[in-house]
Amino acid sequence: MPSKYYAMKVLNENTAEIDIYGAIESEDWFSESSAVKFNNDLKEIGDVSTIYLNINSPGGDVFEGQAIYSMLKRHKAHIVARIDGCAASIASVIAMAGDKIIMPNNAMMMIHDPWTFAIGNSREMRKVADDLDKINESIVNTYLNKTDGKTTETNIRTMMQEETWLSAEDALKYGFADEITEEVKVAASIDKTFANRYKNVPNNLMKNDELESEKARAYAQIIELAKR
């Protein structure tokens, strides 16, 4: 079955494209994780020299996202990450795998301390907390390496603790992005599921579910009329 949130395709013998559109999920307890599938698919695209990594994601499972970041960093290709709307939470970490990160001027990036859902006994819960602490340190170092002196470790930690939403200009200023381009039609938005998890979602990113439903009804009417 295709993944819910990513797709890969080979454009030519030297170039491949990866779209990460949607929440980064770990599938379920009874099937292999999405990170395992991602790894297998990444191997199948072969030794291309360039990968275009297109991202429009509200984030998701921190462990899955961290694994995907590591897989991309290990790949020999030159990776161009393009934020086609929003790279929030662990999606922003995946974006850091890019040797070059491009943001349209209407895109956004969000960084915060990692968190996750967990079920289990006290020993398992303590292990999850310890793992999150380790991942937090790894993420700080990931941002620090990418920003390359344009901001400080203290500032990165503060921005993560406060859940900071960065415009393209902010991301460029602090070194989280390398280039700003013109607006794209893919608008950044956060649905209610993730809006309820995050503290500081900008109002302009709140997805208008009523408008989306109205669009869906309009499309359905067009399709029904076309059948007549």
Protein backbone atom coordinates (compact mmCIF):
# COMPACT_ATOMS: atom_id res chain seq x y z
CA MET A 1 0.00 0.00 0.00
CA PRO A 2 1.29 3.52 -0.74
CA SER A 3 2.19 5.67 2.23
CA LYS A 4 -0.36 8.19 3.43
CA TYR A 5 2.05 11.07 3.57
CA TYR A 6 4.97 10.57 1.20
CA ALA A 7 5.66 9.60 -2.39
CA MET A 8 8.91 8.99 -4.26
CA LYS A 9 9.60 8.96 -7.96
CA VAL A 10 12.65 8.86 -10.19
CA LEU A 11 12.62 11.74 -12.68
CA ASN A 12 15.63 10.55 -14.67
CA GLU A 13 18.80 8.55 -14.11
CA ASN A 14 20.31 11.37 -12.04
CA THR A 15 17.33 12.90 -10.27
CA ALA A 16 14.56 11.79 -7.92
CA GLU A 17 11.77 13.59 -6.11
CA ILE A 18 10.26 12.96 -2.69
CA ASP A 19 7.00 14.58 -1.60
CA ILE A 20 6.24 14.62 2.12
CA TYR A 21 2.71 15.98 2.21
CA GLY A 22 0.68 15.36 5.34
CA ALA A 23 1.16 14.17 8.90
CA ILE A 24 4.14 11.90 9.51
CA GLU A 25 2.68 8.74 10.98
CA SER A 26 4.07 5.43 12.15
CA GLU A 27 1.24 3.38 10.55
CA ASP A 28 -0.01 1.00 13.23
CA TRP A 29 1.18 -1.58 15.73
CA PHE A 30 0.52 -4.49 13.39
CA SER A 31 2.49 -3.47 10.30
CA GLU A 32 5.99 -2.26 9.55
CA SER A 33 6.57 1.38 10.35
CA SER A 34 6.45 4.12 7.74
CA ALA A 35 10.16 4.75 8.38
CA VAL A 36 10.95 1.17 7.34
CA LYS A 37 8.89 1.63 4.17
CA PHE A 38 10.60 4.97 3.54
CA ASN A 39 14.00 3.33 3.85
CA ASN A 40 13.08 0.56 1.44
CA ASP A 41 11.68 3.03 -1.09
CA LEU A 42 14.76 5.24 -0.74
CA LYS A 43 16.97 2.28 -1.60
CA GLU A 44 14.85 1.55 -4.67
CA ILE A 45 15.40 4.99 -6.22
CA GLY A 46 19.06 4.06 -6.54
CA ASP A 47 22.21 6.18 -6.63
CA VAL A 48 20.75 9.38 -8.05
CA SER A 49 22.90 12.48 -7.70
CA THR A 50 20.08 14.93 -6.81
CA ILE A 51 16.95 14.53 -4.70
CA TYR A 52 14.28 17.23 -4.55
CA LEU A 53 12.58 16.95 -1.15
CA ASN A 54 9.22 18.74 -1.19
CA ILE A 55 7.57 19.27 2.20
CA ASN A 56 4.15 20.47 3.31
CA SER A 57 3.58 18.82 6.68
CA PRO A 58 2.30 19.74 10.15
CA GLY A 59 4.71 17.25 11.71
CA GLY A 60 3.84 14.00 13.43
CA ASP A 61 5.65 11.08 15.02
CA VAL A 62 9.02 12.33 16.27
CA PHE A 63 10.71 8.92 16.20
CA GLU A 64 9.62 8.23 12.63
CA GLY A 65 10.68 11.70 11.51
CA GLN A 66 14.05 11.47 13.18
CA ALA A 67 14.68 8.15 11.44
CA ILE A 68 13.71 9.62 8.06
CA TYR A 69 16.04 12.58 8.60
CA SER A 70 18.92 10.21 9.33
CA MET A 71 18.18 8.11 6.22
CA LEU A 72 18.23 11.19 4.00
CA LYS A 73 21.46 12.47 5.56
CA ARG A 74 23.15 9.15 4.83
CA HIS A 75 22.15 9.27 1.17
CA LYS A 76 24.92 10.34 -1.20
CA ALA A 77 22.67 12.60 -3.29
CA HIS A 78 22.67 16.40 -3.12
CA ILE A 79 19.33 17.12 -1.44
CA VAL A 80 17.35 20.26 -2.23
CA ALA A 81 14.58 20.71 0.34
CA ARG A 82 11.66 22.85 -0.78
CA ILE A 83 9.07 23.94 1.80
CA ASP A 84 5.90 23.98 -0.25
CA GLY A 85 3.74 25.47 2.48
CA CYS A 86 4.63 24.44 6.02
CA ALA A 87 7.36 22.41 7.71
CA ALA A 88 6.28 22.16 11.34
CA SER A 89 7.67 20.19 14.24
CA ILE A 90 9.49 17.03 13.12
CA ALA A 91 8.88 18.00 9.47
CA SER A 92 11.25 20.93 10.04
CA VAL A 93 13.90 18.46 11.21
CA ILE A 94 13.45 16.38 8.05
CA ALA A 95 13.92 19.60 6.05
CA MET A 96 17.33 20.03 7.69
CA ALA A 97 18.51 17.01 5.66
CA GLY A 98 18.61 19.37 2.71
CA ASP A 99 22.00 20.54 1.53
CA LYS A 100 20.00 23.54 0.34
CA ILE A 101 16.67 24.62 1.85
CA ILE A 102 14.35 26.79 -0.21
CA MET A 103 11.25 28.53 1.17
CA PRO A 104 8.69 30.52 -0.84
CA ASN A 105 7.91 33.80 0.87
CA ASN A 106 4.47 32.53 1.94
CA ALA A 107 5.82 29.35 3.57
CA MET A 108 6.42 28.77 7.28
CA MET A 109 8.55 26.61 9.55
CA MET A 110 7.91 25.73 13.19
CA ILE A 111 10.37 24.37 15.76
CA HIS A 112 9.62 23.12 19.28
CA ASP A 113 10.73 20.59 21.87
CA PRO A 114 9.80 17.08 20.72
CA TRP A 115 6.94 15.19 22.32
CA THR A 116 5.08 12.01 21.56
CA PHE A 117 2.22 9.76 22.67
CA ALA A 118 3.14 6.70 24.71
CA ILE A 119 1.42 3.70 26.27
CA GLY A 120 3.01 1.29 28.69
CA ASN A 121 4.18 0.65 32.22
CA SER A 122 6.32 2.98 34.30
CA ARG A 123 9.60 1.55 33.01
CA GLU A 124 8.49 1.98 29.41
CA MET A 125 7.27 5.51 30.04
CA ARG A 126 10.60 6.47 31.64
CA LYS A 127 12.40 5.05 28.63
CA VAL A 128 10.24 7.15 26.30
CA ALA A 129 11.09 10.26 28.35
CA ASP A 130 14.79 9.43 28.21
CA ASP A 131 14.55 8.84 24.46
CA LEU A 132 12.83 12.20 23.98
CA ASP A 133 15.61 13.93 25.92
CA LYS A 134 18.18 12.32 23.63
CA ILE A 135 16.21 13.26 20.52
CA ASN A 136 15.87 16.82 21.81
CA GLU A 137 19.64 17.10 22.06
CA SER A 138 20.00 15.59 18.59
CA ILE A 139 17.50 18.08 17.16
CA VAL A 140 19.26 21.04 18.79
CA ASN A 141 22.52 19.89 17.22
CA THR A 142 20.78 19.37 13.87
CA TYR A 143 19.47 22.95 13.85
CA LEU A 144 22.78 24.26 15.15
CA ASN A 145 24.75 22.55 12.39
CA LYS A 146 22.40 23.87 9.72
CA THR A 147 22.25 27.44 10.98
CA ASP A 148 26.08 27.51 10.98
CA GLY A 149 26.64 30.43 13.31
CA LYS A 150 23.68 32.61 12.25
CA THR A 151 22.08 31.99 15.63
CA THR A 152 23.21 30.58 18.95
CA GLU A 153 22.50 27.30 20.71
CA THR A 154 20.81 29.24 23.52
CA ASN A 155 18.52 30.97 21.04
CA ILE A 156 17.64 27.68 19.35
CA ARG A 157 16.77 26.08 22.69
CA THR A 158 14.63 29.08 23.63
CA MET A 159 12.80 29.04 20.30
CA MET A 160 12.14 25.31 20.68
CA GLN A 161 10.87 25.69 24.25
CA GLU A 162 8.54 28.50 23.22
CA GLU A 163 7.28 26.81 20.02
CA THR A 164 8.41 29.34 17.44
CA TRP A 165 6.79 29.83 14.03
CA LEU A 166 9.24 31.20 11.49
CA SER A 167 8.35 33.04 8.32
CA ALA A 168 10.60 32.51 5.31
CA GLU A 169 12.41 35.74 6.18
CA ASP A 170 12.90 34.60 9.79
CA ALA A 171 14.17 31.21 8.64
CA LEU A 172 16.65 32.84 6.28
CA LYS A 173 17.80 35.29 8.97
CA TYR A 174 18.51 32.54 11.50
CA GLY A 175 19.99 30.11 8.98
CA PHE A 176 17.16 27.56 8.84
CA ALA A 177 16.76 28.30 5.11
CA ASP A 178 19.18 29.23 2.34
CA GLU A 179 16.94 30.91 -0.22
CA ILE A 180 13.55 32.60 -0.51
CA THR A 181 11.52 32.35 -3.69
CA GLU A 182 8.23 33.81 -4.86
CA GLU A 183 4.91 32.64 -3.42
CA VAL A 184 3.59 29.22 -4.36
CA LYS A 185 -0.04 28.20 -4.73
CA VAL A 186 0.31 25.52 -2.05
CA ALA A 187 -0.72 27.49 1.02
CA ALA A 188 0.54 26.62 4.46
CA SER A 189 -2.26 25.42 6.74
CA ILE A 190 -2.73 23.44 9.94
CA ASP A 191 -5.84 21.32 10.49
CA LYS A 192 -7.67 21.17 13.82
CA THR A 193 -5.95 17.97 14.92
CA PHE A 194 -2.54 19.62 14.98
CA ALA A 195 -3.82 23.09 15.86
CA ASN A 196 -5.07 21.64 19.15
CA ARG A 197 -1.63 20.16 19.89
CA TYR A 198 0.36 23.32 19.23
CA LYS A 199 0.25 26.47 21.34
CA ASN A 200 1.14 29.34 19.03
CA VAL A 201 -0.36 28.54 15.61
CA PRO A 202 -0.68 31.80 13.63
CA ASN A 203 -4.29 32.63 12.80
CA ASN A 204 -3.57 32.74 9.08
CA LEU A 205 -2.51 29.06 9.21
CA MET A 206 -5.72 27.80 10.77
CA LYS A 207 -7.35 25.60 8.17
CA ASN A 208 -10.88 26.73 7.34
CA ASP A 209 -12.76 23.43 7.53
CA GLU A 210 -16.05 25.06 6.61
CA LEU A 211 -14.52 26.49 3.43
CA GLU A 212 -12.94 23.12 2.60
CA SER A 213 -16.32 21.39 3.03
CA GLU A 214 -17.95 23.97 0.77
CA LYS A 215 -15.31 23.33 -1.90
CA ALA A 216 -15.86 19.58 -1.61
CA ARG A 217 -19.62 20.02 -2.05
CA ALA A 218 -19.05 22.22 -5.09
CA TYR A 219 -16.73 19.68 -6.68
CA ALA A 220 -19.28 16.92 -6.01
CA GLN A 221 -21.99 18.94 -7.72
CA ILE A 222 -19.76 19.52 -10.77
CA ILE A 223 -19.00 15.81 -11.02
CA GLU A 224 -22.70 14.94 -10.69
CA LEU A 225 -23.65 17.42 -13.42
CA ALA A 226 -20.96 16.02 -15.70
CA LYS A 227 -22.51 12.55 -15.42
CA ARG A 228 -25.86 13.74 -16.77
